């Protein structure tokens, strides 16, 4: 009799847990207040420290591979932002990379020369990204999807204009027009001139060449941006068709790289949509 009651209790608990799990999947709780800050992103942790590999001759030409036991969804090259400045490195994007790896992606995160590094800026930063992507393609034996945030989104989209063998680009609050962006006020906007090798903002043909030309990209492109983004505004995504852009209500500039946000869910959907287009 006691054994029977124990079995009934176990079954009841199991049923309750299954119902609770189903409820949580249907009605997920927001794990963090949005929009998130850069400080919120920096508080994220990764479970393992990945080993770096060299893809070029510069000390900055290193790449981290974060791949789980299942990488069946293919390769992703994640390009960090930070206003093209060497004050910011890839470390803040590693939690996002790890989150994508748990979903079955083989994630590669390159470092590259930035403003403040010898050879960084235009076109050295782009040359590094191209070299990193070619390295990933050689290592994996398959085209990769580029995911770039902010200035990294600019480099991802600009790299797609070079004829690289890639499957698509997901731009996360990408900077696209260096002429108009450099004319705005703000700390990131003020980095356009040094990125272009100028002491002061002096837009010319090189600024236009360094900007994104969408009709030169012949692969699928998706964009995710927060509606409350104070760093990259709507004017930077005006070049895209409406069907390419997902503007997430309540999200800011860093929600798109924080795995616990609604904006990150939109990023995952964008990746899946590009994979679907390339099948």
Protein backbone atom coordinates (compact mmCIF):
# COMPACT_ATOMS: atom_id res chain seq x y z
CA UNK A 1 0.00 0.00 0.00
CA UNK A 2 2.80 2.39 0.93
CA UNK A 3 4.70 1.51 -2.27
CA UNK A 4 1.59 2.25 -4.32
CA UNK A 5 1.17 5.63 -2.66
CA UNK A 6 4.84 6.42 -3.30
CA UNK A 7 4.45 5.59 -6.99
CA UNK A 8 1.37 7.80 -7.21
CA UNK A 9 3.28 10.69 -5.63
CA UNK A 10 6.21 10.22 -8.06
CA UNK A 11 3.84 10.16 -11.02
CA UNK A 12 2.08 13.27 -9.74
CA UNK A 13 5.38 15.12 -9.37
CA UNK A 14 6.49 14.08 -12.86
CA UNK A 15 3.20 15.24 -14.36
CA UNK A 16 3.49 18.55 -12.51
CA UNK A 17 7.06 19.09 -13.75
CA UNK A 18 6.05 18.34 -17.33
CA UNK A 19 3.16 20.79 -17.13
CA UNK A 20 5.44 23.41 -15.56
CA UNK A 21 8.04 22.92 -18.32
CA UNK A 22 5.39 23.23 -21.01
CA UNK A 23 4.02 26.38 -19.39
CA UNK A 24 7.49 27.92 -19.20
CA UNK A 25 8.15 27.21 -22.87
CA UNK A 26 4.84 28.75 -23.89
CA UNK A 27 5.10 31.75 -21.60
CA UNK A 28 8.80 32.46 -21.01
CA UNK A 29 9.67 34.88 -18.23
CA UNK A 30 11.96 37.77 -19.08
CA UNK A 31 15.23 36.97 -17.37
CA UNK A 32 16.56 40.53 -17.43
CA UNK A 33 15.20 44.06 -17.63
CA UNK A 34 15.35 45.48 -21.11
CA UNK A 35 16.94 47.39 -22.69
CA UNK A 36 20.17 45.92 -21.35
CA UNK A 37 23.37 47.89 -20.87
CA UNK A 38 26.91 47.06 -21.91
CA UNK A 39 27.55 46.42 -18.22
CA UNK A 40 24.83 43.75 -18.27
CA UNK A 41 26.63 42.06 -21.16
CA UNK A 42 29.95 42.19 -19.34
CA UNK A 43 28.43 40.39 -16.36
CA UNK A 44 27.68 37.33 -18.47
CA UNK A 45 30.00 34.37 -18.03
CA UNK A 46 31.08 31.45 -20.18
CA UNK A 47 31.50 27.91 -18.90
CA UNK A 48 34.72 27.14 -20.78
CA UNK A 49 37.73 29.14 -21.92
CA UNK A 50 38.23 28.33 -25.59
CA UNK A 51 41.66 28.07 -27.19
CA UNK A 52 42.71 30.60 -29.79
CA UNK A 53 44.13 29.88 -33.23
CA UNK A 54 46.09 32.17 -35.53
CA UNK A 55 44.64 33.09 -38.91
CA UNK A 56 47.21 35.74 -39.86
CA UNK A 57 50.56 37.31 -38.99
CA UNK A 58 49.38 40.15 -36.72
CA UNK A 59 49.15 39.55 -32.98
CA UNK A 60 45.49 40.52 -33.33
CA UNK A 61 44.85 37.86 -35.99
CA UNK A 62 43.49 35.20 -33.66
CA UNK A 63 40.20 33.35 -33.64
CA UNK A 64 38.27 31.41 -31.01
CA UNK A 65 36.17 28.38 -31.92
CA UNK A 66 33.23 27.55 -29.67
CA UNK A 67 31.55 24.45 -30.97
CA UNK A 68 29.38 22.08 -28.97
CA UNK A 69 29.02 18.35 -29.39
CA UNK A 70 26.37 19.05 -32.02
CA UNK A 71 27.33 21.52 -34.75
CA UNK A 72 24.75 20.33 -37.24
CA UNK A 73 23.36 23.82 -37.86
CA UNK A 74 26.58 24.90 -39.53
CA UNK A 75 29.27 27.51 -39.06
CA UNK A 76 28.77 31.05 -37.80
CA UNK A 77 31.45 33.74 -37.73
CA UNK A 78 30.60 36.27 -35.03
CA UNK A 79 32.22 39.69 -35.49
CA UNK A 80 32.24 41.89 -32.42
CA UNK A 81 31.59 45.60 -32.37
CA UNK A 82 33.07 48.38 -30.28
CA UNK A 83 33.22 51.39 -32.62
CA UNK A 84 36.17 49.86 -34.52
CA UNK A 85 38.31 50.72 -31.45
CA UNK A 86 40.86 48.48 -29.78
CA UNK A 87 39.41 49.62 -26.46
CA UNK A 88 36.89 46.81 -27.03
CA UNK A 89 37.71 43.19 -27.78
CA UNK A 90 35.77 40.02 -28.57
CA UNK A 91 35.39 38.84 -24.96
CA UNK A 92 32.01 40.45 -24.45
CA UNK A 93 30.56 38.39 -27.34
CA UNK A 94 31.79 35.02 -26.08
CA UNK A 95 28.66 34.35 -23.96
CA UNK A 96 26.55 34.90 -27.07
CA UNK A 97 28.84 32.56 -29.01
CA UNK A 98 28.45 29.91 -26.35
CA UNK A 99 24.68 30.29 -26.39
CA UNK A 100 24.64 29.76 -30.15
CA UNK A 101 26.91 26.74 -29.82
CA UNK A 102 24.41 25.09 -27.46
CA UNK A 103 21.85 25.46 -30.26
CA UNK A 104 23.98 23.46 -32.67
CA UNK A 105 26.09 26.15 -34.33
CA UNK A 106 29.84 25.91 -34.84
CA UNK A 107 30.79 29.44 -33.76
CA UNK A 108 34.03 31.22 -34.62
CA UNK A 109 34.90 34.59 -33.06
CA UNK A 110 37.81 36.47 -34.65
CA UNK A 111 39.82 39.29 -33.21
CA UNK A 112 41.00 41.82 -35.74
CA UNK A 113 43.10 44.95 -35.98
CA UNK A 114 41.17 48.01 -34.88
CA UNK A 115 41.82 51.71 -34.46
CA UNK A 116 44.81 51.93 -32.12
CA UNK A 117 46.44 48.81 -33.56
CA UNK A 118 49.14 49.00 -36.21
CA UNK A 119 47.36 48.55 -39.54
CA UNK A 120 43.91 48.81 -37.95
CA UNK A 121 41.15 50.94 -39.41
CA UNK A 122 40.29 51.14 -43.07
CA UNK A 123 40.98 48.92 -44.92
CA UNK A 124 43.06 46.81 -42.53
CA UNK A 125 40.14 45.83 -40.28
CA UNK A 126 38.17 44.60 -43.28
CA UNK A 127 41.16 42.70 -44.65
CA UNK A 128 41.43 40.87 -41.32
CA UNK A 129 37.76 39.89 -41.36
CA UNK A 130 38.08 38.56 -44.91
CA UNK A 131 41.13 36.53 -43.89
CA UNK A 132 39.34 35.20 -40.80
CA UNK A 133 36.32 34.11 -42.82
CA UNK A 134 38.53 32.33 -45.35
CA UNK A 135 40.24 30.59 -42.42
CA UNK A 136 36.88 29.41 -41.05
CA UNK A 137 35.79 28.15 -44.46
CA UNK A 138 39.05 26.24 -44.83
CA UNK A 139 38.76 24.72 -41.34
CA UNK A 140 35.09 23.74 -41.57
CA UNK A 141 34.90 22.89 -45.26
CA UNK A 142 31.67 24.86 -45.60
CA UNK A 143 30.48 28.43 -46.11
CA UNK A 144 29.76 30.35 -42.93
CA UNK A 145 27.07 32.83 -41.95
CA UNK A 146 28.45 36.16 -40.77
CA UNK A 147 26.89 37.73 -37.69
CA UNK A 148 28.17 41.20 -36.88
CA UNK A 149 27.21 43.69 -34.18
CA UNK A 150 27.38 47.45 -34.65
CA UNK A 151 30.81 48.22 -36.17
CA UNK A 152 31.18 44.45 -36.55
CA UNK A 153 27.94 44.51 -38.52
CA UNK A 154 29.47 47.10 -40.84
CA UNK A 155 32.51 44.87 -41.39
CA UNK A 156 30.35 41.78 -41.93
CA UNK A 157 28.22 43.50 -44.56
CA UNK A 158 31.23 45.12 -46.18
CA UNK A 159 33.01 41.75 -46.30
CA UNK A 160 30.00 40.31 -48.11
CA UNK A 161 30.73 42.72 -50.96
CA UNK A 162 34.13 41.12 -51.60
CA UNK A 163 32.83 37.89 -53.13
CA UNK A 164 33.55 35.69 -50.12
CA UNK A 165 31.94 32.25 -50.16
CA UNK A 166 29.45 32.84 -47.35
CA UNK A 167 25.84 31.79 -46.84
CA UNK A 168 24.46 35.08 -45.55
CA UNK A 169 24.80 37.98 -43.14
CA UNK A 170 22.88 38.85 -39.99
CA UNK A 171 23.54 42.46 -39.08
CA UNK A 172 22.87 43.36 -35.45
CA UNK A 173 22.33 47.12 -35.25
CA UNK A 174 24.82 47.49 -38.11
CA UNK A 175 26.48 50.75 -39.07
CA UNK A 176 26.14 51.08 -42.85
CA UNK A 177 26.75 54.68 -43.95
CA UNK A 178 30.01 56.16 -42.69
CA UNK A 179 29.32 59.55 -44.26
CA UNK A 180 26.08 60.16 -42.39
CA UNK A 181 27.12 58.29 -39.23
CA UNK A 182 30.34 60.27 -38.86
CA UNK A 183 28.38 63.52 -39.12
CA UNK A 184 26.34 62.63 -36.03
CA UNK A 185 27.37 63.41 -32.46
CA UNK A 186 28.35 60.61 -30.10
CA UNK A 187 31.39 58.66 -28.95
CA UNK A 188 30.98 55.87 -31.49
CA UNK A 189 30.19 58.32 -34.28
CA UNK A 190 33.40 60.20 -33.45
CA UNK A 191 35.38 57.03 -34.27
CA UNK A 192 34.49 57.16 -37.97
CA UNK A 193 37.26 59.70 -38.72
CA UNK A 194 40.08 57.74 -36.99
CA UNK A 195 38.75 54.54 -38.56
CA UNK A 196 39.20 56.21 -41.94
CA UNK A 197 42.67 57.47 -40.96
CA UNK A 198 41.64 61.10 -40.49
CA UNK A 199 42.27 63.39 -37.55
CA UNK A 200 38.98 65.16 -38.23
CA UNK A 201 35.82 64.07 -40.02
CA UNK A 202 36.51 64.73 -43.71
CA UNK A 203 34.10 62.66 -45.81
CA UNK A 204 35.20 61.94 -49.33
CA UNK A 205 35.02 59.09 -51.84
CA UNK A 206 36.87 56.75 -49.48
CA UNK A 207 34.13 57.13 -46.85
CA UNK A 208 31.55 56.18 -49.46
CA UNK A 209 33.66 53.23 -50.61
CA UNK A 210 33.97 52.00 -47.02
CA UNK A 211 30.21 52.21 -46.54
CA UNK A 212 27.83 49.36 -47.30
CA UNK A 213 26.49 49.08 -50.86
CA UNK A 214 23.57 46.71 -50.57
CA UNK A 215 23.15 45.97 -54.27
CA UNK A 216 26.72 44.63 -54.27
CA UNK A 217 25.68 41.86 -51.86
CA UNK A 218 24.22 38.80 -53.57
CA UNK A 219 23.44 36.63 -50.55
CA UNK A 220 20.63 36.70 -47.98
CA UNK A 221 20.82 39.55 -45.46
CA UNK A 222 18.80 40.00 -42.28
CA UNK A 223 18.95 42.84 -39.77
CA UNK A 224 17.91 42.90 -36.12
CA UNK A 225 17.88 46.21 -34.24
CA UNK A 226 16.35 47.51 -31.04
CA UNK A 227 13.73 50.22 -31.34
CA UNK A 228 15.32 52.02 -28.38
CA UNK A 229 18.88 51.84 -29.73
CA UNK A 230 20.66 55.12 -28.84
CA UNK A 231 23.88 54.32 -30.71
CA UNK A 232 22.74 53.13 -34.15
CA UNK A 233 19.61 54.86 -35.37
CA UNK A 234 16.98 54.01 -37.95
CA UNK A 235 18.80 56.00 -40.64
CA UNK A 236 21.55 53.36 -40.71
CA UNK A 237 19.10 50.61 -41.66
CA UNK A 238 17.07 52.65 -44.17
CA UNK A 239 19.02 51.02 -47.01
CA UNK A 240 17.41 47.62 -46.32
CA UNK A 241 14.04 46.39 -47.49
CA UNK A 242 11.40 46.21 -44.77
CA UNK A 243 11.26 42.41 -45.04
CA UNK A 244 14.95 42.23 -44.15
CA UNK A 245 14.60 44.16 -40.89
CA UNK A 246 13.25 43.08 -37.52
CA UNK A 247 12.92 46.04 -35.15
CA UNK A 248 12.45 44.76 -31.61
CA UNK A 249 10.26 46.88 -29.33
CA UNK A 250 11.83 47.87 -26.03
CA UNK A 251 15.30 46.69 -27.04
CA UNK A 252 18.44 48.81 -27.07
CA UNK A 253 21.86 48.48 -28.64
CA UNK A 254 23.13 45.56 -26.59
CA UNK A 255 20.01 43.41 -26.31
CA UNK A 256 20.86 41.76 -29.62
CA UNK A 257 24.02 40.21 -28.14
CA UNK A 258 22.56 39.24 -24.75
CA UNK A 259 21.28 35.63 -24.82
CA UNK A 260 18.53 36.27 -22.26
CA UNK A 261 16.57 38.86 -24.23
CA UNK A 262 13.71 38.87 -26.70
CA UNK A 263 16.04 40.53 -29.20
CA UNK A 264 18.39 37.56 -29.05
CA UNK A 265 15.44 35.29 -29.90
CA UNK A 266 14.95 37.45 -32.98
CA UNK A 267 18.61 36.95 -33.88
CA UNK A 268 18.20 33.16 -33.68
CA UNK A 269 15.13 33.36 -35.93
CA UNK A 270 17.09 35.45 -38.43
CA UNK A 271 19.83 32.83 -38.52
CA UNK A 272 17.28 30.08 -39.07
CA UNK A 273 15.63 32.07 -41.86
CA UNK A 274 18.93 32.46 -43.71
CA UNK A 275 19.67 28.77 -43.30
CA UNK A 276 16.25 28.05 -44.75
CA UNK A 277 16.93 30.25 -47.78
CA UNK A 278 20.23 28.49 -48.50
CA UNK A 279 18.82 24.93 -48.41
